[in-house]
Amino acid sequence: MSQVCDRPGQVCGGTGHVKRANAEVQKMCDEVKLQVEEKAGKKFVMFKAIAFSTQAVAGTNYFIKVQVGEKDYIHLCVFRSLLSDGYKLSLNKIQTSKSSQDPIEYF
């Protein structure tokens, strides 16, 4: 049985609804861009957060769709720690070769 979190529209362990990216999510992407480029093995001129979903854990996992070219997208899984740990960011995983139509899902 799923456990409801104290965050609207979210279930503990599951991902929430997909939302349009905002300035906070773009800032997170900007902070992990160098790590993403290392994992992907290439540099990205464009790096625009498009949409995201979250997962409540001991902090928050952000699943983010990022546009990296005219028709090229990647998905990121970025962990943000709790306030008590200073809201530190860490890049967990990336998925490359995505399209604008690929849904944001847990990975």
Protein backbone atom coordinates (compact mmCIF):
# COMPACT_ATOMS: atom_id res chain seq x y z
CA MET A 1 0.00 0.00 0.00
CA SER A 2 1.31 3.47 -0.88
CA GLN A 3 2.03 5.90 1.89
CA VAL A 4 0.78 9.44 1.30
CA CYS A 5 3.35 12.15 1.92
CA ASP A 6 2.71 15.58 3.31
CA ARG A 7 3.30 17.01 -0.17
CA PRO A 8 0.20 17.49 -2.35
CA GLY A 9 -0.01 15.18 -5.37
CA GLN A 10 2.82 12.95 -4.24
CA VAL A 11 3.10 9.45 -2.84
CA CYS A 12 6.14 8.40 -0.79
CA GLY A 13 8.34 6.25 -2.99
CA GLY A 14 6.46 7.23 -6.17
CA THR A 15 6.92 10.22 -8.45
CA GLY A 16 4.57 13.19 -8.45
CA HIS A 17 2.84 14.82 -11.38
CA VAL A 18 4.96 16.20 -14.21
CA LYS A 19 5.24 19.97 -14.03
CA ARG A 20 6.73 22.63 -16.26
CA ALA A 21 10.28 23.49 -15.20
CA ASN A 22 10.76 26.71 -13.27
CA ALA A 23 13.73 28.90 -12.32
CA GLU A 24 14.56 26.71 -9.29
CA VAL A 25 14.78 23.56 -11.43
CA GLN A 26 16.85 25.38 -14.08
CA LYS A 27 19.26 26.51 -11.36
CA MET A 28 19.61 22.89 -10.19
CA CYS A 29 20.39 21.81 -13.76
CA ASP A 30 22.96 24.58 -14.13
CA GLU A 31 24.67 23.39 -10.93
CA VAL A 32 25.03 19.78 -12.15
CA LYS A 33 25.74 20.55 -15.83
CA LEU A 34 29.49 19.80 -15.62
CA GLN A 35 28.77 16.43 -13.98
CA VAL A 36 26.20 15.65 -16.70
CA GLU A 37 28.70 16.51 -19.43
CA GLU A 38 31.27 14.22 -17.80
CA LYS A 39 28.81 11.30 -17.63
CA ALA A 40 27.54 11.91 -21.18
CA GLY A 41 31.04 12.40 -22.56
CA LYS A 42 30.19 15.61 -24.39
CA LYS A 43 29.60 19.34 -23.95
CA PHE A 44 26.14 20.86 -24.30
CA VAL A 45 25.72 24.38 -25.67
CA MET A 46 22.00 24.30 -24.86
CA PHE A 47 20.92 23.06 -21.41
CA LYS A 48 17.31 24.09 -20.81
CA ALA A 49 15.11 22.43 -18.18
CA ILE A 50 11.71 21.66 -19.76
CA ALA A 51 9.71 19.61 -17.25
CA PHE A 52 10.18 17.66 -14.03
CA SER A 53 8.68 15.26 -11.57
CA THR A 54 9.71 14.62 -7.97
CA GLN A 55 10.00 11.66 -5.65
CA ALA A 56 10.03 12.06 -1.86
CA VAL A 57 12.84 10.07 -0.25
CA ALA A 58 15.15 11.17 2.59
CA GLY A 59 15.32 14.38 0.56
CA THR A 60 13.90 14.72 -2.96
CA ASN A 61 14.76 13.07 -6.26
CA TYR A 62 14.09 15.33 -9.24
CA PHE A 63 13.52 13.64 -12.60
CA ILE A 64 14.16 16.41 -15.13
CA LYS A 65 13.77 16.59 -18.91
CA VAL A 66 16.50 18.86 -20.33
CA GLN A 67 16.72 20.12 -23.91
CA VAL A 68 20.32 19.90 -25.10
CA GLY A 69 19.83 20.54 -28.84
CA GLU A 70 17.17 21.49 -31.35
CA LYS A 71 15.62 18.00 -31.16
CA ASP A 72 17.84 16.42 -28.51
CA TYR A 73 16.87 15.80 -24.90
CA ILE A 74 18.27 14.03 -21.88
CA HIS A 75 16.68 13.01 -18.59
CA LEU A 76 18.39 13.65 -15.27
CA CYS A 77 17.86 12.22 -11.81
CA VAL A 78 19.12 14.82 -9.33
CA PHE A 79 18.96 14.31 -5.57
CA ARG A 80 18.46 17.28 -3.25
CA SER A 81 19.13 16.62 0.43
CA LEU A 82 16.94 17.86 3.26
CA LEU A 83 17.31 21.34 4.75
CA SER A 84 19.11 19.82 7.75
CA ASP A 85 21.80 18.64 5.29
CA GLY A 86 21.97 22.00 3.49
CA TYR A 87 19.86 21.14 0.43
CA LYS A 88 22.97 19.69 -1.26
CA LEU A 89 22.58 18.54 -4.87
CA SER A 90 24.02 15.42 -6.42
CA LEU A 91 23.57 13.95 -9.87
CA ASN A 92 22.42 10.34 -9.55
CA LYS A 93 21.81 9.21 -13.15
CA ILE A 94 21.28 10.43 -16.69
CA GLN A 95 19.48 9.03 -19.73
CA THR A 96 20.65 10.24 -23.13
CA SER A 97 19.08 10.00 -26.60
CA LYS A 98 15.65 11.18 -25.47
CA SER A 99 13.04 13.04 -27.51
CA SER A 100 10.52 15.73 -26.62
CA GLN A 101 7.86 12.99 -26.57
CA ASP A 102 9.58 10.66 -24.08
CA PRO A 103 7.74 10.75 -20.75
CA ILE A 104 9.57 11.58 -17.55
CA GLU A 105 9.62 8.38 -15.51
CA TYR A 106 11.48 6.88 -12.60
CA PHE A 107 14.84 5.41 -13.66
